[in-house]
PDB file of N, CA and C in Angstrom:
ATOM      1  N   MET A   1     -75.250-118.141-131.897  1.00  0.00           N
ATOM      2  CA  MET A   1     -75.924-118.192-133.181  1.00  0.00           C
ATOM      3  C   MET A   1     -77.344-118.714-132.972  1.00  0.00           C
ATOM      4  N   ASP A   2     -78.245-118.183-133.760  1.00  0.00           N
ATOM      5  CA  ASP A   2     -79.660-118.505-133.627  1.00  0.00           C
ATOM      6  C   ASP A   2     -79.948-119.922-134.122  1.00  0.00           C
ATOM      7  N   LYS A   3     -80.658-120.689-133.302  1.00  0.00           N
ATOM      8  CA  LYS A   3     -80.987-122.075-133.653  1.00  0.00           C
ATOM      9  C   LYS A   3     -81.871-122.136-134.895  1.00  0.00           C
ATOM     10  N   GLN A   4     -82.807-121.199-135.032  1.00  0.00           N
ATOM     11  CA  GLN A   4     -83.687-121.193-136.201  1.00  0.00           C
ATOM     12  C   GLN A   4     -82.899-121.022-137.495  1.00  0.00           C
ATOM     13  N   VAL A   5     -81.854-120.221-137.458  1.00  0.00           N
ATOM     14  CA  VAL A   5     -81.024-120.024-138.650  1.00  0.00           C
ATOM     15  C   VAL A   5     -80.257-121.308-138.954  1.00  0.00           C
ATOM     16  N   SER A   6     -79.786-121.990-137.930  1.00  0.00           N
ATOM     17  CA  SER A   6     -79.099-123.274-138.134  1.00  0.00           C
ATOM     18  C   SER A   6     -80.039-124.286-138.787  1.00  0.00           C
ATOM     19  N   VAL A   7     -81.277-124.336-138.337  1.00  0.00           N
ATOM     20  CA  VAL A   7     -82.275-125.245-138.915  1.00  0.00           C
ATOM     21  C   VAL A   7     -82.570-124.845-140.359  1.00  0.00           C
ATOM     22  N   TYR A   8     -82.704-123.546-140.604  1.00  0.00           N
ATOM     23  CA  TYR A   8     -82.955-123.037-141.953  1.00  0.00           C
ATOM     24  C   TYR A   8     -81.861-123.525-142.912  1.00  0.00           C
ATOM     25  N   ILE A   9     -80.616-123.375-142.506  1.00  0.00           N
ATOM     26  CA  ILE A   9     -79.496-123.788-143.356  1.00  0.00           C
ATOM     27  C   ILE A   9     -79.498-125.304-143.540  1.00  0.00           C
ATOM     28  N   ALA A  10     -79.762-126.054-142.479  1.00  0.00           N
ATOM     29  CA  ALA A  10     -79.784-127.519-142.559  1.00  0.00           C
ATOM     30  C   ALA A  10     -80.870-128.016-143.513  1.00  0.00           C
ATOM     31  N   LYS A  11     -81.964-127.272-143.635  1.00  0.00           N
ATOM     32  CA  LYS A  11     -83.068-127.667-144.516  1.00  0.00           C
ATOM     33  C   LYS A  11     -82.918-127.120-145.937  1.00  0.00           C
ATOM     34  N   ALA A  12     -81.932-126.281-146.161  1.00  0.00           N
ATOM     35  CA  ALA A  12     -81.714-125.695-147.493  1.00  0.00           C
ATOM     36  C   ALA A  12     -81.250-126.789-148.458  1.00  0.00           C
ATOM     37  N   PRO A  13     -81.410-126.542-149.755  1.00  0.00           N
ATOM     38  CA  PRO A  13     -80.908-127.515-150.733  1.00  0.00           C
ATOM     39  C   PRO A  13     -79.430-127.825-150.489  1.00  0.00           C
ATOM     40  N   LYS A  14     -79.083-129.078-150.627  1.00  0.00           N
ATOM     41  CA  LYS A  14     -77.716-129.532-150.341  1.00  0.00           C
ATOM     42  C   LYS A  14     -76.663-128.712-151.096  1.00  0.00           C
ATOM     43  N   ALA A  15     -76.961-128.357-152.330  1.00  0.00           N
ATOM     44  CA  ALA A  15     -76.000-127.629-153.166  1.00  0.00           C
ATOM     45  C   ALA A  15     -75.639-126.258-152.602  1.00  0.00           C
ATOM     46  N   SER A  16     -76.485-125.694-151.753  1.00  0.00           N
ATOM     47  CA  SER A  16     -76.228-124.346-151.241  1.00  0.00           C
ATOM     48  C   SER A  16     -75.788-124.308-149.778  1.00  0.00           C
ATOM     49  N   ARG A  17     -75.871-125.407-149.060  1.00  0.00           N
ATOM     50  CA  ARG A  17     -75.625-125.392-147.614  1.00  0.00           C
ATOM     51  C   ARG A  17     -74.245-124.876-147.213  1.00  0.00           C
ATOM     52  N   LEU A  18     -73.201-125.345-147.861  1.00  0.00           N
ATOM     53  CA  LEU A  18     -71.852-124.887-147.485  1.00  0.00           C
ATOM     54  C   LEU A  18     -71.687-123.394-147.714  1.00  0.00           C
ATOM     55  N   LYS A  19     -72.215-122.893-148.809  1.00  0.00           N
ATOM     56  CA  LYS A  19     -72.118-121.455-149.090  1.00  0.00           C
ATOM     57  C   LYS A  19     -72.951-120.644-148.096  1.00  0.00           C
ATOM     58  N   LEU A  20     -74.114-121.158-147.707  1.00  0.00           N
ATOM     59  CA  LEU A  20     -74.923-120.459-146.703  1.00  0.00           C
ATOM     60  C   LEU A  20     -74.184-120.396-145.373  1.00  0.00           C
ATOM     61  N   LYS A  21     -73.537-121.493-144.995  1.00  0.00           N
ATOM     62  CA  LYS A  21     -72.751-121.503-143.751  1.00  0.00           C
ATOM     63  C   LYS A  21     -71.603-120.514-143.832  1.00  0.00           C
ATOM     64  N   GLU A  22     -70.945-120.471-144.993  1.00  0.00           N
ATOM     65  CA  GLU A  22     -69.832-119.533-145.177  1.00  0.00           C
ATOM     66  C   GLU A  22     -70.323-118.087-145.136  1.00  0.00           C
ATOM     67  N   LEU A  23     -71.445-117.816-145.780  1.00  0.00           N
ATOM     68  CA  LEU A  23     -72.001-116.462-145.786  1.00  0.00           C
ATOM     69  C   LEU A  23     -72.377-116.042-144.371  1.00  0.00           C
ATOM     70  N   ARG A  24     -72.982-116.938-143.629  1.00  0.00           N
ATOM     71  CA  ARG A  24     -73.335-116.664-142.228  1.00  0.00           C
ATOM     72  C   ARG A  24     -72.082-116.319-141.426  1.00  0.00           C
ATOM     73  N   ARG A  25     -71.034-117.105-141.606  1.00  0.00           N
ATOM     74  CA  ARG A  25     -69.782-116.872-140.884  1.00  0.00           C
ATOM     75  C   ARG A  25     -69.171-115.528-141.265  1.00  0.00           C
ATOM     76  N   LEU A  26     -69.184-115.195-142.550  1.00  0.00           N
ATOM     77  CA  LEU A  26     -68.638-113.906-142.999  1.00  0.00           C
ATOM     78  C   LEU A  26     -69.372-112.744-142.338  1.00  0.00           C
ATOM     79  N   ILE A  27     -70.691-112.816-142.310  1.00  0.00           N
ATOM     80  CA  ILE A  27     -71.480-111.744-141.700  1.00  0.00           C
ATOM     81  C   ILE A  27     -71.178-111.642-140.211  1.00  0.00           C
ATOM     82  N   MET A  28     -71.160-112.782-139.527  1.00  0.00           N
ATOM     83  CA  MET A  28     -70.928-112.765-138.088  1.00  0.00           C
ATOM     84  C   MET A  28     -69.487-112.363-137.740  1.00  0.00           C
ATOM     85  N   ASP A  29     -68.539-112.649-138.617  1.00  0.00           N
ATOM     86  CA  ASP A  29     -67.151-112.208-138.390  1.00  0.00           C
ATOM     87  C   ASP A  29     -67.054-110.681-138.424  1.00  0.00           C
ATOM     88  N   ILE A  30     -67.779-110.061-139.336  1.00  0.00           N
ATOM     89  CA  ILE A  30     -67.745-108.608-139.478  1.00  0.00           C
ATOM     90  C   ILE A  30     -68.599-107.923-138.418  1.00  0.00           C
ATOM     91  N   ALA A  31     -69.721-108.566-138.059  1.00  0.00           N
ATOM     92  CA  ALA A  31     -70.651-107.978-137.081  1.00  0.00           C
ATOM     93  C   ALA A  31     -70.957-108.989-135.978  1.00  0.00           C
ATOM     94  N   PRO A  32     -69.960-109.283-135.129  1.00  0.00           N
ATOM     95  CA  PRO A  32     -70.161-110.325-134.109  1.00  0.00           C
ATOM     96  C   PRO A  32     -71.277-110.016-133.115  1.00  0.00           C
ATOM     97  N   GLY A  33     -71.651-108.777-132.972  1.00  0.00           N
ATOM     98  CA  GLY A  33     -72.730-108.417-132.064  1.00  0.00           C
ATOM     99  C   GLY A  33     -74.098-108.361-132.733  1.00  0.00           C
ATOM    100  N   ALA A  34     -74.169-108.757-133.997  1.00  0.00           N
ATOM    101  CA  ALA A  34     -75.436-108.685-134.731  1.00  0.00           C
ATOM    102  C   ALA A  34     -76.459-109.649-134.140  1.00  0.00           C
ATOM    103  N   GLU A  35     -77.704-109.203-134.153  1.00  0.00           N
ATOM    104  CA  GLU A  35     -78.809-110.074-133.761  1.00  0.00           C
ATOM    105  C   GLU A  35     -79.179-110.896-134.992  1.00  0.00           C
ATOM    106  N   GLU A  36     -79.182-112.200-134.821  1.00  0.00           N
ATOM    107  CA  GLU A  36     -79.482-113.109-135.923  1.00  0.00           C
ATOM    108  C   GLU A  36     -80.844-113.756-135.666  1.00  0.00           C
ATOM    109  N   ARG A  37     -81.691-113.750-136.684  1.00  0.00           N
ATOM    110  CA  ARG A  37     -83.006-114.381-136.550  1.00  0.00           C
ATOM    111  C   ARG A  37     -83.580-114.629-137.942  1.00  0.00           C
ATOM    112  N   ILE A  38     -84.772-115.187-137.979  1.00  0.00           N
ATOM    113  CA  ILE A  38     -85.472-115.378-139.241  1.00  0.00           C
ATOM    114  C   ILE A  38     -86.460-114.217-139.402  1.00  0.00           C
ATOM    115  N   SER A  39     -86.440-113.588-140.557  1.00  0.00           N
ATOM    116  CA  SER A  39     -87.363-112.506-140.876  1.00  0.00           C
ATOM    117  C   SER A  39     -87.708-112.631-142.358  1.00  0.00           C
ATOM    118  N   TYR A  40     -88.953-112.447-142.701  1.00  0.00           N
ATOM    119  CA  TYR A  40     -89.413-112.636-144.076  1.00  0.00           C
ATOM    120  C   TYR A  40     -89.034-114.020-144.600  1.00  0.00           C
ATOM    121  N   GLY A  41     -88.982-115.001-143.707  1.00  0.00           N
ATOM    122  CA  GLY A  41     -88.710-116.375-144.099  1.00  0.00           C
ATOM    123  C   GLY A  41     -87.269-116.688-144.435  1.00  0.00           C
ATOM    124  N   MET A  42     -86.337-115.813-144.045  1.00  0.00           N
ATOM    125  CA  MET A  42     -84.913-116.054-144.330  1.00  0.00           C
ATOM    126  C   MET A  42     -84.055-115.501-143.200  1.00  0.00           C
ATOM    127  N   PRO A  43     -82.797-115.940-143.113  1.00  0.00           N
ATOM    128  CA  PRO A  43     -81.905-115.395-142.090  1.00  0.00           C
ATOM    129  C   PRO A  43     -81.748-113.888-142.250  1.00  0.00           C
ATOM    130  N   TYR A  44     -81.780-113.223-141.110  1.00  0.00           N
ATOM    131  CA  TYR A  44     -81.725-111.763-141.057  1.00  0.00           C
ATOM    132  C   TYR A  44     -80.745-111.352-139.967  1.00  0.00           C
ATOM    133  N   TYR A  45     -80.022-110.273-140.222  1.00  0.00           N
ATOM    134  CA  TYR A  45     -79.047-109.741-139.282  1.00  0.00           C
ATOM    135  C   TYR A  45     -79.354-108.281-139.011  1.00  0.00           C
ATOM    136  N   ASP A  46     -79.437-107.963-137.736  1.00  0.00           N
ATOM    137  CA  ASP A  46     -79.701-106.600-137.296  1.00  0.00           C
ATOM    138  C   ASP A  46     -78.475-106.126-136.526  1.00  0.00           C
ATOM    139  N   TYR A  47     -77.903-105.030-136.978  1.00  0.00           N
ATOM    140  CA  TYR A  47     -76.727-104.461-136.321  1.00  0.00           C
ATOM    141  C   TYR A  47     -76.791-102.959-136.525  1.00  0.00           C
ATOM    142  N   TYR A  48     -77.207-102.242-135.509  1.00  0.00           N
ATOM    143  CA  TYR A  48     -77.466-100.799-135.602  1.00  0.00           C
ATOM    144  C   TYR A  48     -78.543-100.527-136.655  1.00  0.00           C
ATOM    145  N   GLY A  49     -79.402-101.483-136.890  1.00  0.00           N
ATOM    146  CA  GLY A  49     -80.441-101.401-137.910  1.00  0.00           C
ATOM    147  C   GLY A  49     -80.327-102.575-138.862  1.00  0.00           C
ATOM    148  N   ARG A  50     -81.127-102.534-139.917  1.00  0.00           N
ATOM    149  CA  ARG A  50     -81.123-103.641-140.884  1.00  0.00           C
ATOM    150  C   ARG A  50     -79.754-103.766-141.533  1.00  0.00           C
ATOM    151  N   LEU A  51     -79.184-104.973-141.442  1.00  0.00           N
ATOM    152  CA  LEU A  51     -77.853-105.213-141.989  1.00  0.00           C
ATOM    153  C   LEU A  51     -77.931-106.043-143.274  1.00  0.00           C
ATOM    154  N   ALA A  52     -78.436-107.262-143.186  1.00  0.00           N
ATOM    155  CA  ALA A  52     -78.463-108.140-144.362  1.00  0.00           C
ATOM    156  C   ALA A  52     -79.405-109.312-144.145  1.00  0.00           C
ATOM    157  N   TYR A  53     -79.816-109.904-145.254  1.00  0.00           N
ATOM    158  CA  TYR A  53     -80.599-111.133-145.307  1.00  0.00           C
ATOM    159  C   TYR A  53     -79.919-112.027-146.343  1.00  0.00           C
ATOM    160  N   PHE A  54     -80.192-113.327-146.305  1.00  0.00           N
ATOM    161  CA  PHE A  54     -79.773-114.186-147.407  1.00  0.00           C
ATOM    162  C   PHE A  54     -80.732-115.345-147.573  1.00  0.00           C
ATOM    163  N   ALA A  55     -80.746-115.916-148.794  1.00  0.00           N
ATOM    164  CA  ALA A  55     -81.625-117.038-149.091  1.00  0.00           C
ATOM    165  C   ALA A  55     -81.099-117.801-150.301  1.00  0.00           C
ATOM    166  N   PRO A  56     -81.233-119.133-150.266  1.00  0.00           N
ATOM    167  CA  PRO A  56     -80.840-119.921-151.434  1.00  0.00           C
ATOM    168  C   PRO A  56     -81.936-119.878-152.495  1.00  0.00           C
ATOM    169  N   MET A  57     -81.528-119.805-153.729  1.00  0.00           N
ATOM    170  CA  MET A  57     -82.439-119.874-154.864  1.00  0.00           C
ATOM    171  C   MET A  57     -81.972-121.043-155.735  1.00  0.00           C
ATOM    172  N   LYS A  58     -82.605-121.237-156.872  1.00  0.00           N
ATOM    173  CA  LYS A  58     -82.277-122.390-157.706  1.00  0.00           C
ATOM    174  C   LYS A  58     -80.807-122.409-158.144  1.00  0.00           C
ATOM    175  N   ASP A  59     -80.331-121.294-158.672  1.00  0.00           N
ATOM    176  CA  ASP A  59     -78.976-121.251-159.223  1.00  0.00           C
ATOM    177  C   ASP A  59     -78.038-120.282-158.509  1.00  0.00           C
ATOM    178  N   TYR A  60     -78.529-119.655-157.453  1.00  0.00           N
ATOM    179  CA  TYR A  60     -77.707-118.661-156.775  1.00  0.00           C
ATOM    180  C   TYR A  60     -78.158-118.512-155.327  1.00  0.00           C
ATOM    181  N   ILE A  61     -77.346-117.773-154.587  1.00  0.00           N
ATOM    182  CA  ILE A  61     -77.731-117.355-153.246  1.00  0.00           C
ATOM    183  C   ILE A  61     -78.002-115.860-153.336  1.00  0.00           C
ATOM    184  N   GLY A  62     -79.141-115.466-152.849  1.00  0.00           N
ATOM    185  CA  GLY A  62     -79.477-114.045-152.822  1.00  0.00           C
ATOM    186  C   GLY A  62     -78.954-113.440-151.538  1.00  0.00           C
ATOM    187  N   LEU A  63     -78.146-112.412-151.673  1.00  0.00           N
ATOM    188  CA  LEU A  63     -77.665-111.634-150.531  1.00  0.00           C
ATOM    189  C   LEU A  63     -78.371-110.290-150.619  1.00  0.00           C
ATOM    190  N   TYR A  64     -79.172-109.994-149.613  1.00  0.00           N
ATOM    191  CA  TYR A  64     -80.002-108.794-149.614  1.00  0.00           C
ATOM    192  C   TYR A  64     -79.449-107.788-148.618  1.00  0.00           C
ATOM    193  N   ILE A  65     -79.040-106.649-149.139  1.00  0.00           N
ATOM    194  CA  ILE A  65     -78.493-105.575-148.320  1.00  0.00           C
ATOM    195  C   ILE A  65     -79.294-104.314-148.654  1.00  0.00           C
ATOM    196  N   PRO A  66     -79.914-103.706-147.651  1.00  0.00           N
ATOM    197  CA  PRO A  66     -80.733-102.518-147.938  1.00  0.00           C
ATOM    198  C   PRO A  66     -79.938-101.416-148.637  1.00  0.00           C
ATOM    199  N   PRO A  67     -80.627-100.626-149.475  1.00  0.00           N
ATOM    200  CA  PRO A  67     -79.992 -99.504-150.166  1.00  0.00           C
ATOM    201  C   PRO A  67     -79.383 -98.517-149.176  1.00  0.00           C
ATOM    202  N   PRO A  68     -78.364 -97.813-149.597  1.00  0.00           N
ATOM    203  CA  PRO A  68     -77.834 -97.619-150.942  1.00  0.00           C
ATOM    204  C   PRO A  68     -76.555 -98.410-151.223  1.00  0.00           C
ATOM    205  N   ILE A  69     -76.267 -99.423-150.440  1.00  0.00           N
ATOM    206  CA  ILE A  69     -74.961-100.098-150.497  1.00  0.00           C
ATOM    207  C   ILE A  69     -74.649-100.682-151.870  1.00  0.00           C
ATOM    208  N   ILE A  70     -75.597-101.377-152.469  1.00  0.00           N
ATOM    209  CA  ILE A  70     -75.333-101.987-153.779  1.00  0.00           C
ATOM    210  C   ILE A  70     -75.079-100.911-154.828  1.00  0.00           C
ATOM    211  N   ALA A  71     -75.888 -99.872-154.835  1.00  0.00           N
ATOM    212  CA  ALA A  71     -75.676 -98.770-155.786  1.00  0.00           C
ATOM    213  C   ALA A  71     -74.322 -98.105-155.576  1.00  0.00           C
ATOM    214  N   ASN A  72     -73.892 -97.989-154.327  1.00  0.00           N
ATOM    215  CA  ASN A  72     -72.607 -97.359-154.031  1.00  0.00           C
ATOM    216  C   ASN A  72     -71.413 -98.208-154.450  1.00  0.00           C
ATOM    217  N   HIS A  73     -71.639 -99.492-154.705  1.00  0.00           N
ATOM    218  CA  HIS A  73     -70.556-100.409-155.080  1.00  0.00           C
ATOM    219  C   HIS A  73     -70.820-101.050-156.437  1.00  0.00           C
ATOM    220  N   LYS A  74     -71.552-100.358-157.310  1.00  0.00           N
ATOM    221  CA  LYS A  74     -71.965-100.962-158.577  1.00  0.00           C
ATOM    222  C   LYS A  74     -70.791-101.353-159.465  1.00  0.00           C
ATOM    223  N   ARG A  75     -69.715-100.611-159.412  1.00  0.00           N
ATOM    224  CA  ARG A  75     -68.550-100.952-160.239  1.00  0.00           C
ATOM    225  C   ARG A  75     -67.952-102.293-159.806  1.00  0.00           C
ATOM    226  N   GLU A  76     -67.820-102.496-158.492  1.00  0.00           N
ATOM    227  CA  GLU A  76     -67.274-103.756-157.972  1.00  0.00           C
ATOM    228  C   GLU A  76     -68.229-104.930-158.169  1.00  0.00           C
ATOM    229  N   LEU A  77     -69.513-104.624-158.308  1.00  0.00           N
ATOM    230  CA  LEU A  77     -70.533-105.658-158.465  1.00  0.00           C
ATOM    231  C   LEU A  77     -70.960-105.846-159.917  1.00  0.00           C
ATOM    232  N   ALA A  78     -70.217-105.272-160.846  1.00  0.00           N
ATOM    233  CA  ALA A  78     -70.605-105.282-162.259  1.00  0.00           C
ATOM    234  C   ALA A  78     -70.797-106.692-162.817  1.00  0.00           C
ATOM    235  N   ARG A  79     -70.056-107.654-162.341  1.00  0.00           N
ATOM    236  CA  ARG A  79     -70.158-109.012-162.899  1.00  0.00           C
ATOM    237  C   ARG A  79     -71.337-109.805-162.356  1.00  0.00           C
ATOM    238  N   TYR A  80     -72.038-109.256-161.368  1.00  0.00           N
ATOM    239  CA  TYR A  80     -73.147-109.970-160.738  1.00  0.00           C
ATOM    240  C   TYR A  80     -74.499-109.421-161.189  1.00  0.00           C
ATOM    241  N   ILE A  81     -75.477-110.302-161.227  1.00  0.00           N
ATOM    242  CA  ILE A  81     -76.853-109.854-161.388  1.00  0.00           C
ATOM    243  C   ILE A  81     -77.229-109.210-160.063  1.00  0.00           C
ATOM    244  N   LYS A  82     -77.849-108.060-160.137  1.00  0.00           N
ATOM    245  CA  LYS A  82     -78.198-107.350-158.908  1.00  0.00           C
ATOM    246  C   LYS A  82     -79.466-106.536-159.115  1.00  0.00           C
ATOM    247  N   THR A  83     -80.068-106.192-157.997  1.00  0.00           N
ATOM    248  CA  THR A  83     -81.210-105.282-157.976  1.00  0.00           C
ATOM    249  C   THR A  83     -80.829-104.162-157.018  1.00  0.00           C
ATOM    250  N   LYS A  84     -81.786-103.337-156.703  1.00  0.00           N
ATOM    251  CA  LYS A  84     -81.547-102.235-155.766  1.00  0.00           C
ATOM    252  C   LYS A  84     -81.065-102.739-154.399  1.00  0.00           C
ATOM    253  N   SER A  85     -81.533-103.926-154.010  1.00  0.00           N
ATOM    254  CA  SER A  85     -81.179-104.435-152.678  1.00  0.00           C
ATOM    255  C   SER A  85     -80.723-105.890-152.665  1.00  0.00           C
ATOM    256  N   ALA A  86     -80.377-106.453-153.812  1.00  0.00           N
ATOM    257  CA  ALA A  86     -79.972-107.866-153.847  1.00  0.00           C
ATOM    258  C   ALA A  86     -78.812-108.093-154.804  1.00  0.00           C
ATOM    259  N   ILE A  87     -78.009-109.078-154.429  1.00  0.00           N
ATOM    260  CA  ILE A  87     -76.919-109.547-155.281  1.00  0.00           C
ATOM    261  C   ILE A  87     -77.134-111.035-155.457  1.00  0.00           C
ATOM    262  N   HIS A  88     -77.025-111.521-156.695  1.00  0.00           N
ATOM    263  CA  HIS A  88     -77.146-112.945-156.968  1.00  0.00           C
ATOM    264  C   HIS A  88     -75.737-113.539-156.999  1.00  0.00           C
ATOM    265  N   LEU A  89     -75.450-114.383-156.029  1.00  0.00           N
ATOM    266  CA  LEU A  89     -74.144-115.032-155.944  1.00  0.00           C
ATOM    267  C   LEU A  89     -74.285-116.436-156.518  1.00  0.00           C
ATOM    268  N   PRO A  90     -73.733-116.682-157.723  1.00  0.00           N
ATOM    269  CA  PRO A  90     -73.925-117.968-158.393  1.00  0.00           C
ATOM    270  C   PRO A  90     -73.426-119.147-157.549  1.00  0.00           C
ATOM    271  N   LEU A  91     -74.205-120.232-157.557  1.00  0.00           N
ATOM    272  CA  LEU A  91     -73.820-121.418-156.782  1.00  0.00           C
ATOM    273  C   LEU A  91     -72.535-122.048-157.297  1.00  0.00           C
ATOM    274  N   GLU A  92     -72.289-121.956-158.613  1.00  0.00           N
ATOM    275  CA  GLU A  92     -71.112-122.626-159.171  1.00  0.00           C
ATOM    276  C   GLU A  92     -69.814-121.845-158.935  1.00  0.00           C
ATOM    277  N   ALA A  93     -69.898-120.636-158.430  1.00  0.00           N
ATOM    278  CA  ALA A  93     -68.701-119.820-158.198  1.00  0.00           C
ATOM    279  C   ALA A  93     -68.399-119.718-156.703  1.00  0.00           C
ATOM    280  N   LYS A  94     -67.135-119.494-156.412  1.00  0.00           N
ATOM    281  CA  LYS A  94     -66.709-119.271-155.035  1.00  0.00           C
ATOM    282  C   LYS A  94     -67.308-117.951-154.537  1.00  0.00           C
ATOM    283  N   LEU A  95     -67.707-117.926-153.269  1.00  0.00           N
ATOM    284  CA  LEU A  95     -68.220-116.669-152.709  1.00  0.00           C
ATOM    285  C   LEU A  95     -67.108-115.618-152.698  1.00  0.00           C
ATOM    286  N   PRO A  96     -67.397-114.392-153.109  1.00  0.00           N
ATOM    287  CA  PRO A  96     -66.394-113.320-153.077  1.00  0.00           C
ATOM    288  C   PRO A  96     -66.276-112.770-151.645  1.00  0.00           C
ATOM    289  N   ALA A  97     -65.570-113.491-150.796  1.00  0.00           N
ATOM    290  CA  ALA A  97     -65.513-113.178-149.361  1.00  0.00           C
ATOM    291  C   ALA A  97     -65.085-111.744-149.072  1.00  0.00           C
ATOM    292  N   SER A  98     -64.022-111.283-149.705  1.00  0.00           N
ATOM    293  CA  SER A  98     -63.553-109.924-149.405  1.00  0.00           C
ATOM    294  C   SER A  98     -64.576-108.878-149.844  1.00  0.00           C
ATOM    295  N   LEU A  99     -65.249-109.106-150.958  1.00  0.00           N
ATOM    296  CA  LEU A  99     -66.277-108.172-151.421  1.00  0.00           C
ATOM    297  C   LEU A  99     -67.486-108.193-150.482  1.00  0.00           C
ATOM    298  N   ILE A 100     -67.894-109.371-150.059  1.00  0.00           N
ATOM    299  CA  ILE A 100     -69.016-109.480-149.117  1.00  0.00           C
ATOM    300  C   ILE A 100     -68.680-108.748-147.822  1.00  0.00           C
ATOM    301  N   LYS A 101     -67.489-108.949-147.315  1.00  0.00           N
ATOM    302  CA  LYS A 101     -67.073-108.257-146.089  1.00  0.00           C
ATOM    303  C   LYS A 101     -67.101-106.744-146.283  1.00  0.00           C
ATOM    304  N   LYS A 102     -66.635-106.287-147.421  1.00  0.00           N
ATOM    305  CA  LYS A 102     -66.628-104.854-147.711  1.00  0.00           C
ATOM    306  C   LYS A 102     -68.049-104.296-147.718  1.00  0.00           C
ATOM    307  N   LEU A 103     -68.978-105.018-148.335  1.00  0.00           N
ATOM    308  CA  LEU A 103     -70.373-104.577-148.391  1.00  0.00           C
ATOM    309  C   LEU A 103     -71.012-104.555-147.006  1.00  0.00           C
ATOM    310  N   ILE A 104     -70.735-105.564-146.205  1.00  0.00           N
ATOM    311  CA  ILE A 104     -71.288-105.628-144.845  1.00  0.00           C
ATOM    312  C   ILE A 104     -70.715-104.491-144.002  1.00  0.00           C
ATOM    313  N   ARG A 105     -69.414-104.239-144.129  1.00  0.00           N
ATOM    314  CA  ARG A 105     -68.807-103.111-143.397  1.00  0.00           C
ATOM    315  C   ARG A 105     -69.439-101.782-143.818  1.00  0.00           C
ATOM    316  N   ALA A 106     -69.667-101.641-145.116  1.00  0.00           N
ATOM    317  CA  ALA A 106     -70.280-100.402-145.619  1.00  0.00           C
ATOM    318  C   ALA A 106     -71.687-100.231-145.053  1.00  0.00           C
ATOM    319  N   ARG A 107     -72.434-101.326-144.946  1.00  0.00           N
ATOM    320  CA  ARG A 107     -73.783-101.228-144.389  1.00  0.00           C
ATOM    321  C   ARG A 107     -73.726-100.897-142.899  1.00  0.00           C
ATOM    322  N   ILE A 108     -72.762-101.462-142.187  1.00  0.00           N
ATOM    323  CA  ILE A 108     -72.610-101.134-140.762  1.00  0.00           C
ATOM    324  C   ILE A 108     -72.337 -99.640-140.606  1.00  0.00           C
ATOM    325  N   MET A 109     -71.427 -99.110-141.396  1.00  0.00           N
ATOM    326  CA  MET A 109     -71.115 -97.678-141.315  1.00  0.00           C
ATOM    327  C   MET A 109     -72.345 -96.842-141.660  1.00  0.00           C
ATOM    328  N   HIS A 110     -73.089 -97.260-142.669  1.00  0.00           N
ATOM    329  CA  HIS A 110     -74.321 -96.553-143.035  1.00  0.00           C
ATOM    330  C   HIS A 110     -75.301 -96.565-141.863  1.00  0.00           C
ATOM    331  N   ASN A 111     -75.467 -97.740-141.244  1.00  0.00           N
ATOM    332  CA  ASN A 111     -76.395 -97.848-140.119  1.00  0.00           C
ATOM    333  C   ASN A 111     -75.957 -96.975-138.938  1.00  0.00           C
ATOM    334  N   LYS A 112     -74.676 -97.001-138.625  1.00  0.00           N
ATOM    335  CA  LYS A 112     -74.179 -96.199-137.494  1.00  0.00           C
ATOM    336  C   LYS A 112     -74.332 -94.707-137.774  1.00  0.00           C
ATOM    337  N   THR A 113     -74.035 -94.300-139.006  1.00  0.00           N
ATOM    338  CA  THR A 113     -74.131 -92.886-139.385  1.00  0.00           C
ATOM    339  C   THR A 113     -75.566 -92.377-139.350  1.00  0.00           C
ATOM    340  N   ASN A 114     -76.497 -93.245-139.735  1.00  0.00           N
ATOM    341  CA  ASN A 114     -77.896 -92.831-139.857  1.00  0.00           C
ATOM    342  C   ASN A 114     -78.748 -93.260-138.657  1.00  0.00           C
ATOM    343  N   ARG A 115     -78.116 -93.713-137.610  1.00  0.00           N
ATOM    344  CA  ARG A 115     -78.852 -94.158-136.430  1.00  0.00           C
ATOM    345  C   ARG A 115     -79.481 -92.968-135.714  1.00  0.00           C
ATOM    346  N   LYS A 116     -80.701 -93.162-135.337  1.00  0.00           N
ATOM    347  CA  LYS A 116     -81.413 -92.108-134.610  1.00  0.00           C
ATOM    348  C   LYS A 116     -81.266 -92.352-133.124  1.00  0.00           C
ATOM    349  N   GLY A 117     -81.146 -91.283-132.363  1.00  0.00           N
ATOM    350  CA  GLY A 117     -81.114 -91.413-130.911  1.00  0.00           C
ATOM    351  C   GLY A 117     -79.792 -91.323-130.294  1.00  0.00           C
TER     352      GLY A 117
END
């Protein structure tokens, strides 16, 4: 695991640290070979291409997954605030681990399918 990401999580607001650690673990469990680093000022995972980013916000954790994954799972994500490439995971709620894993797997398949070379 990348030391910079560990430092990033350690410096995050106390209210979000456990969820950030859990989110990191979920991503790495699904993509153990992913390259982990800081990009755009937040943890970033590269696995056959752009996989995911995350960052703590005031009331939620932003999980950023490049399109079209969120649009493809809009029914399952109906209860969450979302954008084209972000899901707002409320700090007061438990992380939806199985849903996060499903989204990460879907992005891996998208990356593998669309990989050039």
